[in-house]
Amino acid sequence: MSTPDIFNQFFDVHSHIHDHPEHLEVFNMKTKWNCPMGTRPSDWELVHEAAMKNPNRVIPGFGVHPWYAHEVAENDQWKDTLKEYLEKHEKAVLGEIGLDKIATNPVSKERYDLPTQLEIFKYQFSLAASLNRVVSVHCVQAHGYLLEYLRQLKPDQFPPKIMLHSYSGSHEIIKAVLKLPKKVGSRFYFSFSKLVNLRTKKLTDNILMIPKNRILIESDANTLEMVDQVMEDICIALGEIWGCENTEVAEITFKNSLEFFGLEE
């Protein structure tokens, strides 16, 4: 069991707590910081409101998730709206963006079109670089496509920091990303969550391959009530892998999060 003070060093770098906005009226989360990630234009206002009401607890994220890329592909109006929300928040993340090769549309039962995802992802990645904003990247069974794209870019075409959230790729991809030339690899961070990563057998190998100063933790929760428990659970899991106390995990990952978001302690 964690001590109460440990929650003051929990930085939830990726969540969707705005999915249930009615729970945000009383912001009773013990975790110190939370970063709710917008996934499509229709939820950006909810993220904005959460950040405005809790400026010392919330860093907002605005982006188009690969599951919703097809919804914006036919009309460019979302691009101006995205920029407007980012400009309202100096520290806002461009996210959640990314690629997903296996997710299916619940209505059509067909997999989301990858070329469309790539088009929307590349635009947002480039926008983040031009605006000097950090990004949160969702990537499922598409790490090869992601790496191929990254290898085509020049250093000034990368955002200042890139988080691979709930990282589910191989350790070979970790090696390749960290070795990207001209110090670009030093811009990458890897985040892990209970809800995604504790179900995979490769978590230990991946964690031990990544430098400790590049590891972040997240809830990926879609309701405020879940955040504290799942943050504690992933903290415990990392402590078991690293062979250290939960308080040390919290301290390390909190410091990493401040560095990622460019915040003062």
Protein backbone atom coordinates (compact mmCIF):
# COMPACT_ATOMS: atom_id res chain seq x y z
CA MET A 1 0.00 0.00 0.00
CA SER A 2 1.33 3.41 -0.95
CA THR A 3 1.61 6.28 1.53
CA PRO A 4 -0.82 9.19 0.98
CA ASP A 5 2.07 11.51 0.08
CA ILE A 6 3.02 9.39 -2.91
CA PHE A 7 0.03 10.73 -4.86
CA ASN A 8 1.64 14.18 -4.78
CA GLN A 9 4.27 12.72 -7.09
CA PHE A 10 1.91 10.94 -9.45
CA PHE A 11 1.76 12.61 -12.85
CA ASP A 12 -0.87 10.97 -15.05
CA VAL A 13 0.51 11.85 -18.48
CA HIS A 14 -2.38 10.40 -20.50
CA SER A 15 -6.04 9.98 -19.62
CA HIS A 16 -9.57 10.43 -20.96
CA ILE A 17 -11.30 11.59 -17.78
CA HIS A 18 -13.36 14.05 -19.83
CA ASP A 19 -15.30 11.08 -21.25
CA HIS A 20 -17.45 11.47 -18.12
CA PRO A 21 -17.54 15.24 -17.59
CA GLU A 22 -20.19 14.94 -14.89
CA HIS A 23 -17.49 13.44 -12.63
CA LEU A 24 -15.22 16.47 -13.05
CA GLU A 25 -17.44 18.88 -11.13
CA VAL A 26 -15.79 17.72 -7.90
CA PHE A 27 -12.13 17.22 -8.80
CA ASN A 28 -11.35 14.82 -5.95
CA MET A 29 -8.47 12.95 -7.59
CA LYS A 30 -5.43 12.54 -5.29
CA THR A 31 -3.01 12.21 -8.23
CA LYS A 32 -1.35 15.62 -8.52
CA TRP A 33 -1.38 16.16 -12.29
CA ASN A 34 -3.55 14.80 -15.08
CA CYS A 35 -3.36 15.18 -18.85
CA PRO A 36 -6.71 14.43 -20.53
CA MET A 37 -6.24 13.72 -24.22
CA GLY A 38 -8.82 14.91 -26.70
CA THR A 39 -9.43 12.46 -29.53
CA ARG A 40 -11.68 14.38 -31.95
CA PRO A 41 -13.09 17.88 -32.42
CA SER A 42 -16.29 17.05 -30.53
CA ASP A 43 -14.47 16.49 -27.22
CA TRP A 44 -11.90 19.28 -27.35
CA GLU A 45 -14.19 21.74 -25.55
CA LEU A 46 -14.57 19.31 -22.64
CA VAL A 47 -10.79 19.05 -22.33
CA HIS A 48 -10.49 22.83 -22.53
CA GLU A 49 -13.07 23.29 -19.75
CA ALA A 50 -11.32 20.76 -17.49
CA ALA A 51 -8.05 22.66 -17.89
CA MET A 52 -9.64 26.07 -17.30
CA LYS A 53 -11.32 24.88 -14.08
CA ASN A 54 -8.19 23.14 -12.78
CA PRO A 55 -5.19 25.10 -14.12
CA ASN A 56 -2.81 23.73 -11.49
CA ARG A 57 -3.88 20.11 -11.93
CA VAL A 58 -4.63 19.64 -15.62
CA ILE A 59 -2.58 19.91 -18.80
CA PRO A 60 -4.89 19.54 -21.82
CA GLY A 61 -4.29 17.53 -24.96
CA PHE A 62 -5.97 18.24 -28.30
CA GLY A 63 -5.70 15.96 -31.31
CA VAL A 64 -7.38 13.53 -33.68
CA HIS A 65 -7.03 9.89 -32.65
CA PRO A 66 -6.58 7.36 -35.48
CA TRP A 67 -10.02 5.89 -34.74
CA TYR A 68 -11.54 9.25 -35.76
CA ALA A 69 -9.24 10.18 -38.65
CA HIS A 70 -11.94 9.28 -41.18
CA GLU A 71 -14.34 11.75 -39.56
CA VAL A 72 -12.12 14.75 -40.33
CA ALA A 73 -10.53 13.63 -43.59
CA GLU A 74 -13.13 15.26 -45.86
CA ASN A 75 -13.08 18.74 -44.30
CA ASP A 76 -10.10 20.84 -43.22
CA GLN A 77 -12.04 23.05 -40.81
CA TRP A 78 -10.79 20.94 -37.87
CA LYS A 79 -7.24 22.13 -38.53
CA ASP A 80 -8.06 25.74 -37.67
CA THR A 81 -10.06 24.64 -34.63
CA LEU A 82 -7.15 22.52 -33.41
CA LYS A 83 -4.75 25.44 -33.67
CA GLU A 84 -7.19 27.68 -31.79
CA TYR A 85 -7.38 25.29 -28.84
CA LEU A 86 -3.61 24.83 -28.74
CA GLU A 87 -3.12 28.59 -28.73
CA LYS A 88 -5.45 28.92 -25.72
CA HIS A 89 -3.12 26.74 -23.62
CA GLU A 90 0.60 27.43 -23.61
CA LYS A 91 1.52 23.96 -22.34
CA ALA A 92 -1.12 21.96 -24.23
CA VAL A 93 -0.11 18.66 -25.81
CA LEU A 94 -0.91 17.74 -29.39
CA GLY A 95 -2.55 14.43 -28.73
CA GLU A 96 -3.85 11.95 -28.87
CA ILE A 97 -2.58 11.23 -32.37
CA GLY A 98 -1.23 8.09 -33.99
CA LEU A 99 -1.70 4.93 -36.00
CA ASP A 100 -3.73 1.78 -35.34
CA LYS A 101 -3.57 -1.15 -37.73
CA ILE A 102 -6.06 -3.46 -35.99
CA ALA A 103 -8.90 -1.32 -34.59
CA THR A 104 -12.24 -1.70 -36.33
CA ASN A 105 -15.14 0.68 -36.85
CA PRO A 106 -17.94 -0.48 -34.50
CA VAL A 107 -20.57 0.34 -37.12
CA SER A 108 -19.07 -1.02 -40.33
CA LYS A 109 -16.94 -3.70 -38.57
CA GLU A 110 -14.13 -2.80 -40.99
CA ARG A 111 -10.64 -1.79 -39.98
CA TYR A 112 -9.93 1.92 -40.04
CA ASP A 113 -8.19 2.97 -43.25
CA LEU A 114 -4.45 3.19 -42.62
CA PRO A 115 -3.61 5.65 -45.44
CA THR A 116 -6.19 8.06 -43.99
CA GLN A 117 -4.69 7.63 -40.53
CA LEU A 118 -1.21 8.32 -41.90
CA GLU A 119 -2.36 11.50 -43.62
CA ILE A 120 -3.98 12.88 -40.46
CA PHE A 121 -1.10 11.75 -38.25
CA LYS A 122 1.58 13.31 -40.44
CA TYR A 123 -0.24 16.64 -40.51
CA GLN A 124 -0.53 16.73 -36.72
CA PHE A 125 3.05 15.61 -36.13
CA SER A 126 4.26 18.34 -38.45
CA LEU A 127 2.01 20.90 -36.78
CA ALA A 128 3.45 19.98 -33.37
CA ALA A 129 6.96 20.53 -34.71
CA SER A 130 6.05 23.92 -36.16
CA LEU A 131 4.33 25.04 -32.95
CA ASN A 132 7.01 23.54 -30.70
CA ARG A 133 4.45 21.35 -28.89
CA VAL A 134 5.00 17.93 -27.37
CA VAL A 135 2.93 15.02 -28.70
CA SER A 136 1.29 11.89 -27.31
CA VAL A 137 1.29 9.05 -29.85
CA HIS A 138 -1.00 6.02 -29.94
CA CYS A 139 0.52 3.20 -31.97
CA VAL A 140 -0.91 -0.31 -32.20
CA GLN A 141 0.56 -2.93 -34.52
CA ALA A 142 1.86 -0.09 -36.71
CA HIS A 143 5.28 0.64 -35.24
CA GLY A 144 6.98 -0.27 -38.51
CA TYR A 145 4.98 2.40 -40.35
CA LEU A 146 5.77 4.89 -37.59
CA LEU A 147 9.49 4.17 -37.68
CA GLU A 148 9.58 4.38 -41.46
CA TYR A 149 8.02 7.84 -41.31
CA LEU A 150 10.33 9.03 -38.52
CA ARG A 151 13.42 7.98 -40.47
CA GLN A 152 12.37 10.24 -43.34
CA LEU A 153 12.36 13.40 -41.21
CA LYS A 154 15.06 15.95 -40.53
CA PRO A 155 15.69 16.94 -36.89
CA ASP A 156 13.84 20.24 -37.23
CA GLN A 157 10.74 18.33 -38.41
CA PHE A 158 10.31 16.64 -35.02
CA PRO A 159 8.35 18.00 -32.07
CA PRO A 160 10.45 18.89 -29.02
CA LYS A 161 9.30 15.78 -27.12
CA ILE A 162 7.40 12.67 -28.25
CA MET A 163 5.58 10.31 -25.90
CA LEU A 164 4.75 6.79 -27.10
CA HIS A 165 1.79 6.23 -24.81
CA SER A 166 0.95 2.85 -23.26
CA TYR A 167 3.85 1.56 -25.33
CA SER A 168 3.06 -1.87 -26.76
CA GLY A 169 5.78 -2.31 -29.38
CA SER A 170 8.83 -4.54 -29.37
CA HIS A 171 12.20 -3.88 -27.76
CA GLU A 172 13.65 -3.70 -31.31
CA ILE A 173 11.51 -0.62 -31.96
CA ILE A 174 12.71 0.90 -28.68
CA LYS A 175 16.32 0.44 -29.80
CA ALA A 176 15.62 1.93 -33.21
CA VAL A 177 13.79 4.96 -31.82
CA LEU A 178 16.44 5.72 -29.21
CA LYS A 179 19.13 5.49 -31.90
CA LEU A 180 17.52 8.00 -34.27
CA PRO A 181 20.38 10.25 -35.43
CA LYS A 182 21.43 13.76 -34.43
CA LYS A 183 20.08 13.34 -30.89
CA VAL A 184 16.49 12.98 -32.12
CA GLY A 185 16.24 9.73 -30.12
CA SER A 186 16.70 11.72 -26.91
CA ARG A 187 13.33 13.40 -27.53
CA PHE A 188 11.38 10.16 -27.07
CA TYR A 189 9.64 9.06 -23.88
CA PHE A 190 7.76 5.81 -23.25
CA SER A 191 4.65 5.75 -21.09
CA PHE A 192 3.06 2.72 -19.46
CA SER A 193 -0.37 2.03 -17.98
CA LYS A 194 -2.01 -0.73 -16.00
CA LEU A 195 -5.00 -0.92 -18.34
CA VAL A 196 -2.88 -1.70 -21.41
CA ASN A 197 0.58 -2.84 -20.39
CA LEU A 198 0.02 -5.13 -17.42
CA ARG A 199 -1.73 -7.52 -19.82
CA THR A 200 1.44 -8.01 -21.88
CA LYS A 201 4.35 -10.35 -21.15
CA LYS A 202 6.97 -8.04 -22.69
CA LEU A 203 6.54 -5.25 -20.15
CA THR A 204 9.57 -6.22 -18.05
CA ASP A 205 11.93 -6.53 -21.04
CA ASN A 206 10.75 -3.20 -22.45
CA ILE A 207 11.04 -1.34 -19.14
CA LEU A 208 14.58 -2.60 -18.53
CA MET A 209 15.67 -1.53 -22.03
CA ILE A 210 14.54 2.09 -21.65
CA PRO A 211 16.62 4.60 -19.68
CA LYS A 212 14.88 5.45 -16.42
CA ASN A 213 14.77 9.13 -17.30
CA ARG A 214 12.56 8.40 -20.33
CA ILE A 215 9.80 6.45 -18.58
CA LEU A 216 6.42 7.96 -17.74
CA ILE A 217 3.28 6.51 -16.15
CA GLU A 218 -0.35 7.06 -17.02
CA SER A 219 -3.84 5.89 -16.18
CA ASP A 220 -5.40 5.88 -19.68
CA ALA A 221 -8.60 5.95 -17.60
CA ASN A 222 -11.85 7.38 -18.93
CA THR A 223 -13.25 8.34 -15.54
CA LEU A 224 -11.77 10.33 -12.68
CA GLU A 225 -12.63 7.68 -10.10
CA MET A 226 -10.26 5.15 -11.69
CA VAL A 227 -7.16 7.32 -11.84
CA ASP A 228 -5.63 6.97 -8.38
CA GLN A 229 -5.91 3.18 -8.21
CA VAL A 230 -4.53 2.42 -11.66
CA MET A 231 -1.72 4.93 -11.18
CA GLU A 232 -0.79 3.19 -7.95
CA ASP A 233 -0.93 -0.22 -9.66
CA ILE A 234 1.42 0.72 -12.50
CA CYS A 235 3.75 2.37 -9.98
CA ILE A 236 3.89 -0.89 -7.99
CA ALA A 237 4.57 -2.87 -11.18
CA LEU A 238 7.50 -0.63 -12.11
CA GLY A 239 8.88 -0.87 -8.59
CA GLU A 240 8.90 -4.65 -8.84
CA ILE A 241 10.72 -4.50 -12.20
CA TRP A 242 13.26 -1.90 -11.05
CA GLY A 243 13.66 -3.48 -7.63
CA CYS A 244 12.92 -0.29 -5.72
CA GLU A 245 10.28 1.29 -3.50
CA ASN A 246 7.11 2.78 -4.96
CA THR A 247 8.14 6.19 -3.66
CA GLU A 248 11.29 6.07 -5.80
CA VAL A 249 9.26 5.14 -8.90
CA ALA A 250 6.92 8.05 -8.24
CA GLU A 251 9.83 10.44 -7.74
CA ILE A 252 11.60 9.36 -10.93
CA THR A 253 8.53 9.39 -13.16
CA PHE A 254 7.29 12.69 -11.73
CA LYS A 255 10.62 14.34 -12.51
CA ASN A 256 10.52 12.83 -16.02
CA SER A 257 7.00 14.20 -16.53
CA LEU A 258 8.01 17.71 -15.51
CA GLU A 259 10.85 17.50 -18.02
CA PHE A 260 8.54 16.20 -20.75
CA PHE A 261 5.95 18.95 -20.27
CA GLY A 262 8.49 21.68 -19.58
CA LEU A 263 7.16 22.45 -16.09
CA GLU A 264 8.88 23.79 -12.99
CA GLU A 265 8.74 21.60 -9.88
